[in-house]
Amino acid sequence: MSNKDKQLKKDFLQAEVIHRDDLPNKGSKRALKIRRALEDREETKKLSSFFGDSYWGDV
């Protein structure tokens, strides 16, 4: 994992978007949940940059 990825993961967890109590104890499941949350966050940022916040209005 690159330093940038480690920092993103650390920042994301510290922002309490994912609470440590909600994470599975097994390392692989824990990493998968964190990775999916980071991917969702990046996708949301990408959509926001294309459409602004207006794309959430239809949801």
PDB file of N, CA and C in Angstrom:
ATOM      1  N   MET A   1       0.856  -1.170   0.000  1.00  0.00           N
ATOM      2  CA  MET A   1       0.000   0.000   0.000  1.00  0.00           C
ATOM      3  C   MET A   1       0.903   1.234   0.000  1.00  0.00           C
ATOM      4  N   SER A   2       0.618   2.180  -0.861  1.00  0.00           N
ATOM      5  CA  SER A   2       1.447   3.380  -0.959  1.00  0.00           C
ATOM      6  C   SER A   2       1.198   4.305   0.235  1.00  0.00           C
ATOM      7  N   ASN A   3       2.108   5.236   0.433  1.00  0.00           N
ATOM      8  CA  ASN A   3       1.964   6.191   1.531  1.00  0.00           C
ATOM      9  C   ASN A   3       0.699   7.019   1.386  1.00  0.00           C
ATOM     10  N   LYS A   4       0.357   7.354   0.135  1.00  0.00           N
ATOM     11  CA  LYS A   4      -0.856   8.142  -0.107  1.00  0.00           C
ATOM     12  C   LYS A   4      -2.089   7.349   0.315  1.00  0.00           C
ATOM     13  N   ASP A   5      -2.121   6.053  -0.028  1.00  0.00           N
ATOM     14  CA  ASP A   5      -3.246   5.207   0.357  1.00  0.00           C
ATOM     15  C   ASP A   5      -3.336   5.062   1.870  1.00  0.00           C
ATOM     16  N   LYS A   6      -2.182   4.910   2.513  1.00  0.00           N
ATOM     17  CA  LYS A   6      -2.168   4.787   3.974  1.00  0.00           C
ATOM     18  C   LYS A   6      -2.697   6.057   4.622  1.00  0.00           C
ATOM     19  N   GLN A   7      -2.304   7.212   4.076  1.00  0.00           N
ATOM     20  CA  GLN A   7      -2.767   8.477   4.635  1.00  0.00           C
ATOM     21  C   GLN A   7      -4.266   8.650   4.415  1.00  0.00           C
ATOM     22  N   LEU A   8      -4.759   8.288   3.223  1.00  0.00           N
ATOM     23  CA  LEU A   8      -6.197   8.364   2.958  1.00  0.00           C
ATOM     24  C   LEU A   8      -6.972   7.496   3.938  1.00  0.00           C
ATOM     25  N   LYS A   9      -6.485   6.282   4.144  1.00  0.00           N
ATOM     26  CA  LYS A   9      -7.139   5.356   5.068  1.00  0.00           C
ATOM     27  C   LYS A   9      -7.153   5.936   6.478  1.00  0.00           C
ATOM     28  N   LYS A  10      -6.022   6.466   6.909  1.00  0.00           N
ATOM     29  CA  LYS A  10      -5.915   7.039   8.250  1.00  0.00           C
ATOM     30  C   LYS A  10      -6.862   8.228   8.412  1.00  0.00           C
ATOM     31  N   ASP A  11      -6.856   9.140   7.434  1.00  0.00           N
ATOM     32  CA  ASP A  11      -7.739  10.307   7.488  1.00  0.00           C
ATOM     33  C   ASP A  11      -9.201   9.897   7.511  1.00  0.00           C
ATOM     34  N   PHE A  12      -9.531   8.903   6.700  1.00  0.00           N
ATOM     35  CA  PHE A  12     -10.914   8.445   6.613  1.00  0.00           C
ATOM     36  C   PHE A  12     -11.374   7.856   7.938  1.00  0.00           C
ATOM     37  N   LEU A  13     -10.548   7.038   8.545  1.00  0.00           N
ATOM     38  CA  LEU A  13     -10.902   6.438   9.825  1.00  0.00           C
ATOM     39  C   LEU A  13     -10.972   7.488  10.926  1.00  0.00           C
ATOM     40  N   GLN A  14     -10.077   8.459  10.889  1.00  0.00           N
ATOM     41  CA  GLN A  14     -10.078   9.493  11.909  1.00  0.00           C
ATOM     42  C   GLN A  14     -11.279  10.416  11.783  1.00  0.00           C
ATOM     43  N   ALA A  15     -11.829  10.516  10.595  1.00  0.00           N
ATOM     44  CA  ALA A  15     -13.018  11.339  10.389  1.00  0.00           C
ATOM     45  C   ALA A  15     -14.255  10.647  10.953  1.00  0.00           C
ATOM     46  N   GLU A  16     -14.083   9.434  11.462  1.00  0.00           N
ATOM     47  CA  GLU A  16     -15.136   8.637  12.081  1.00  0.00           C
ATOM     48  C   GLU A  16     -16.271   8.322  11.128  1.00  0.00           C
ATOM     49  N   VAL A  17     -15.980   8.290   9.845  1.00  0.00           N
ATOM     50  CA  VAL A  17     -16.976   7.827   8.887  1.00  0.00           C
ATOM     51  C   VAL A  17     -17.195   6.338   9.117  1.00  0.00           C
ATOM     52  N   ILE A  18     -16.127   5.642   9.425  1.00  0.00           N
ATOM     53  CA  ILE A  18     -16.218   4.240   9.818  1.00  0.00           C
ATOM     54  C   ILE A  18     -15.802   4.176  11.280  1.00  0.00           C
ATOM     55  N   HIS A  19     -16.678   3.715  12.128  1.00  0.00           N
ATOM     56  CA  HIS A  19     -16.352   3.549  13.533  1.00  0.00           C
ATOM     57  C   HIS A  19     -15.661   2.212  13.713  1.00  0.00           C
ATOM     58  N   ARG A  20     -14.623   2.203  14.474  1.00  0.00           N
ATOM     59  CA  ARG A  20     -13.846   0.977  14.655  1.00  0.00           C
ATOM     60  C   ARG A  20     -14.696  -0.159  15.215  1.00  0.00           C
ATOM     61  N   ASP A  21     -15.688   0.133  16.020  1.00  0.00           N
ATOM     62  CA  ASP A  21     -16.543  -0.915  16.582  1.00  0.00           C
ATOM     63  C   ASP A  21     -17.350  -1.623  15.504  1.00  0.00           C
ATOM     64  N   ASP A  22     -17.626  -0.932  14.397  1.00  0.00           N
ATOM     65  CA  ASP A  22     -18.411  -1.514  13.311  1.00  0.00           C
ATOM     66  C   ASP A  22     -17.582  -2.417  12.410  1.00  0.00           C
ATOM     67  N   LEU A  23     -16.270  -2.331  12.520  1.00  0.00           N
ATOM     68  CA  LEU A  23     -15.407  -3.103  11.634  1.00  0.00           C
ATOM     69  C   LEU A  23     -15.273  -4.542  12.125  1.00  0.00           C
ATOM     70  N   PRO A  24     -15.253  -5.480  11.192  1.00  0.00           N
ATOM     71  CA  PRO A  24     -15.047  -6.881  11.570  1.00  0.00           C
ATOM     72  C   PRO A  24     -13.660  -7.074  12.178  1.00  0.00           C
ATOM     73  N   ASN A  25     -13.526  -8.093  13.004  1.00  0.00           N
ATOM     74  CA  ASN A  25     -12.241  -8.364  13.647  1.00  0.00           C
ATOM     75  C   ASN A  25     -11.241  -8.991  12.693  1.00  0.00           C
ATOM     76  N   LYS A  26     -11.712  -9.770  11.736  1.00  0.00           N
ATOM     77  CA  LYS A  26     -10.808 -10.440  10.811  1.00  0.00           C
ATOM     78  C   LYS A  26     -10.198  -9.411   9.861  1.00  0.00           C
ATOM     79  N   GLY A  27      -8.887  -9.457   9.718  1.00  0.00           N
ATOM     80  CA  GLY A  27      -8.161  -8.454   8.944  1.00  0.00           C
ATOM     81  C   GLY A  27      -8.625  -8.288   7.515  1.00  0.00           C
ATOM     82  N   SER A  28      -8.876  -9.403   6.802  1.00  0.00           N
ATOM     83  CA  SER A  28      -9.251  -9.295   5.392  1.00  0.00           C
ATOM     84  C   SER A  28     -10.622  -8.648   5.229  1.00  0.00           C
ATOM     85  N   LYS A  29     -11.561  -8.993   6.098  1.00  0.00           N
ATOM     86  CA  LYS A  29     -12.897  -8.381   6.018  1.00  0.00           C
ATOM     87  C   LYS A  29     -12.833  -6.913   6.414  1.00  0.00           C
ATOM     88  N   ARG A  30     -12.010  -6.619   7.386  1.00  0.00           N
ATOM     89  CA  ARG A  30     -11.824  -5.242   7.838  1.00  0.00           C
ATOM     90  C   ARG A  30     -11.250  -4.395   6.699  1.00  0.00           C
ATOM     91  N   ALA A  31     -10.216  -4.904   6.050  1.00  0.00           N
ATOM     92  CA  ALA A  31      -9.583  -4.179   4.944  1.00  0.00           C
ATOM     93  C   ALA A  31     -10.557  -3.991   3.786  1.00  0.00           C
ATOM     94  N   LEU A  32     -11.361  -5.003   3.507  1.00  0.00           N
ATOM     95  CA  LEU A  32     -12.339  -4.915   2.427  1.00  0.00           C
ATOM     96  C   LEU A  32     -13.371  -3.832   2.713  1.00  0.00           C
ATOM     97  N   LYS A  33     -13.868  -3.771   3.942  1.00  0.00           N
ATOM     98  CA  LYS A  33     -14.867  -2.761   4.298  1.00  0.00           C
ATOM     99  C   LYS A  33     -14.276  -1.352   4.186  1.00  0.00           C
ATOM    100  N   ILE A  34     -13.051  -1.196   4.642  1.00  0.00           N
ATOM    101  CA  ILE A  34     -12.388   0.107   4.548  1.00  0.00           C
ATOM    102  C   ILE A  34     -12.162   0.485   3.094  1.00  0.00           C
ATOM    103  N   ARG A  35     -11.681  -0.468   2.289  1.00  0.00           N
ATOM    104  CA  ARG A  35     -11.417  -0.197   0.872  1.00  0.00           C
ATOM    105  C   ARG A  35     -12.696   0.191   0.145  1.00  0.00           C
ATOM    106  N   ARG A  36     -13.789  -0.511   0.417  1.00  0.00           N
ATOM    107  CA  ARG A  36     -15.067  -0.175  -0.230  1.00  0.00           C
ATOM    108  C   ARG A  36     -15.545   1.210   0.178  1.00  0.00           C
ATOM    109  N   ALA A  37     -15.393   1.548   1.440  1.00  0.00           N
ATOM    110  CA  ALA A  37     -15.807   2.872   1.907  1.00  0.00           C
ATOM    111  C   ALA A  37     -14.972   3.966   1.250  1.00  0.00           C
ATOM    112  N   LEU A  38     -13.672   3.725   1.115  1.00  0.00           N
ATOM    113  CA  LEU A  38     -12.810   4.701   0.444  1.00  0.00           C
ATOM    114  C   LEU A  38     -13.182   4.847  -1.025  1.00  0.00           C
ATOM    115  N   GLU A  39     -13.495   3.726  -1.682  1.00  0.00           N
ATOM    116  CA  GLU A  39     -13.904   3.780  -3.086  1.00  0.00           C
ATOM    117  C   GLU A  39     -15.216   4.533  -3.236  1.00  0.00           C
ATOM    118  N   ASP A  40     -16.167   4.316  -2.328  1.00  0.00           N
ATOM    119  CA  ASP A  40     -17.434   5.050  -2.364  1.00  0.00           C
ATOM    120  C   ASP A  40     -17.197   6.543  -2.186  1.00  0.00           C
ATOM    121  N   ARG A  41     -16.300   6.877  -1.271  1.00  0.00           N
ATOM    122  CA  ARG A  41     -15.991   8.285  -1.026  1.00  0.00           C
ATOM    123  C   ARG A  41     -15.381   8.934  -2.260  1.00  0.00           C
ATOM    124  N   GLU A  42     -14.451   8.235  -2.901  1.00  0.00           N
ATOM    125  CA  GLU A  42     -13.822   8.767  -4.109  1.00  0.00           C
ATOM    126  C   GLU A  42     -14.845   8.919  -5.235  1.00  0.00           C
ATOM    127  N   GLU A  43     -15.751   7.960  -5.363  1.00  0.00           N
ATOM    128  CA  GLU A  43     -16.791   8.034  -6.396  1.00  0.00           C
ATOM    129  C   GLU A  43     -17.708   9.232  -6.147  1.00  0.00           C
ATOM    130  N   THR A  44     -18.056   9.465  -4.891  1.00  0.00           N
ATOM    131  CA  THR A  44     -18.895  10.609  -4.548  1.00  0.00           C
ATOM    132  C   THR A  44     -18.182  11.914  -4.886  1.00  0.00           C
ATOM    133  N   LYS A  45     -16.890  11.990  -4.566  1.00  0.00           N
ATOM    134  CA  LYS A  45     -16.118  13.190  -4.904  1.00  0.00           C
ATOM    135  C   LYS A  45     -16.062  13.390  -6.409  1.00  0.00           C
ATOM    136  N   LYS A  46     -15.892  12.301  -7.148  1.00  0.00           N
ATOM    137  CA  LYS A  46     -15.818  12.374  -8.611  1.00  0.00           C
ATOM    138  C   LYS A  46     -17.141  12.876  -9.187  1.00  0.00           C
ATOM    139  N   LEU A  47     -18.253  12.316  -8.714  1.00  0.00           N
ATOM    140  CA  LEU A  47     -19.564  12.751  -9.193  1.00  0.00           C
ATOM    141  C   LEU A  47     -19.834  14.200  -8.821  1.00  0.00           C
ATOM    142  N   SER A  48     -19.434  14.588  -7.624  1.00  0.00           N
ATOM    143  CA  SER A  48     -19.627  15.975  -7.202  1.00  0.00           C
ATOM    144  C   SER A  48     -18.855  16.936  -8.087  1.00  0.00           C
ATOM    145  N   SER A  49     -17.650  16.528  -8.504  1.00  0.00           N
ATOM    146  CA  SER A  49     -16.863  17.417  -9.360  1.00  0.00           C
ATOM    147  C   SER A  49     -17.480  17.550 -10.749  1.00  0.00           C
ATOM    148  N   PHE A  50     -18.142  16.499 -11.236  1.00  0.00           N
ATOM    149  CA  PHE A  50     -18.795  16.555 -12.545  1.00  0.00           C
ATOM    150  C   PHE A  50     -20.116  17.311 -12.496  1.00  0.00           C
ATOM    151  N   PHE A  51     -20.937  17.025 -11.493  1.00  0.00           N
ATOM    152  CA  PHE A  51     -22.309  17.520 -11.473  1.00  0.00           C
ATOM    153  C   PHE A  51     -22.623  18.461 -10.319  1.00  0.00           C
ATOM    154  N   GLY A  52     -21.706  18.695  -9.428  1.00  0.00           N
ATOM    155  CA  GLY A  52     -22.006  19.465  -8.236  1.00  0.00           C
ATOM    156  C   GLY A  52     -22.878  18.624  -7.323  1.00  0.00           C
ATOM    157  N   ASP A  53     -23.596  19.259  -6.450  1.00  0.00           N
ATOM    158  CA  ASP A  53     -24.459  18.508  -5.535  1.00  0.00           C
ATOM    159  C   ASP A  53     -25.834  18.244  -6.129  1.00  0.00           C
ATOM    160  N   SER A  54     -26.093  18.742  -7.325  1.00  0.00           N
ATOM    161  CA  SER A  54     -27.427  18.611  -7.920  1.00  0.00           C
ATOM    162  C   SER A  54     -27.790  17.174  -8.262  1.00  0.00           C
ATOM    163  N   TYR A  55     -26.801  16.294  -8.455  1.00  0.00           N
ATOM    164  CA  TYR A  55     -27.136  14.912  -8.805  1.00  0.00           C
ATOM    165  C   TYR A  55     -27.793  14.187  -7.649  1.00  0.00           C
ATOM    166  N   TRP A  56     -27.636  14.682  -6.415  1.00  0.00           N
ATOM    167  CA  TRP A  56     -28.284  14.045  -5.264  1.00  0.00           C
ATOM    168  C   TRP A  56     -29.759  14.425  -5.174  1.00  0.00           C
ATOM    169  N   GLY A  57     -30.182  15.445  -5.884  1.00  0.00           N
ATOM    170  CA  GLY A  57     -31.559  15.896  -5.799  1.00  0.00           C
ATOM    171  C   GLY A  57     -32.574  14.892  -6.305  1.00  0.00           C
ATOM    172  N   ASP A  58     -32.186  14.033  -7.246  1.00  0.00           N
ATOM    173  CA  ASP A  58     -33.120  13.061  -7.808  1.00  0.00           C
ATOM    174  C   ASP A  58     -33.178  11.759  -7.028  1.00  0.00           C
ATOM    175  N   VAL A  59     -32.321  11.607  -6.054  1.00  0.00           N
ATOM    176  CA  VAL A  59     -32.245  10.340  -5.319  1.00  0.00           C
ATOM    177  C   VAL A  59     -33.313  10.260  -4.279  1.00  0.00           C
TER     178      VAL A  59
END
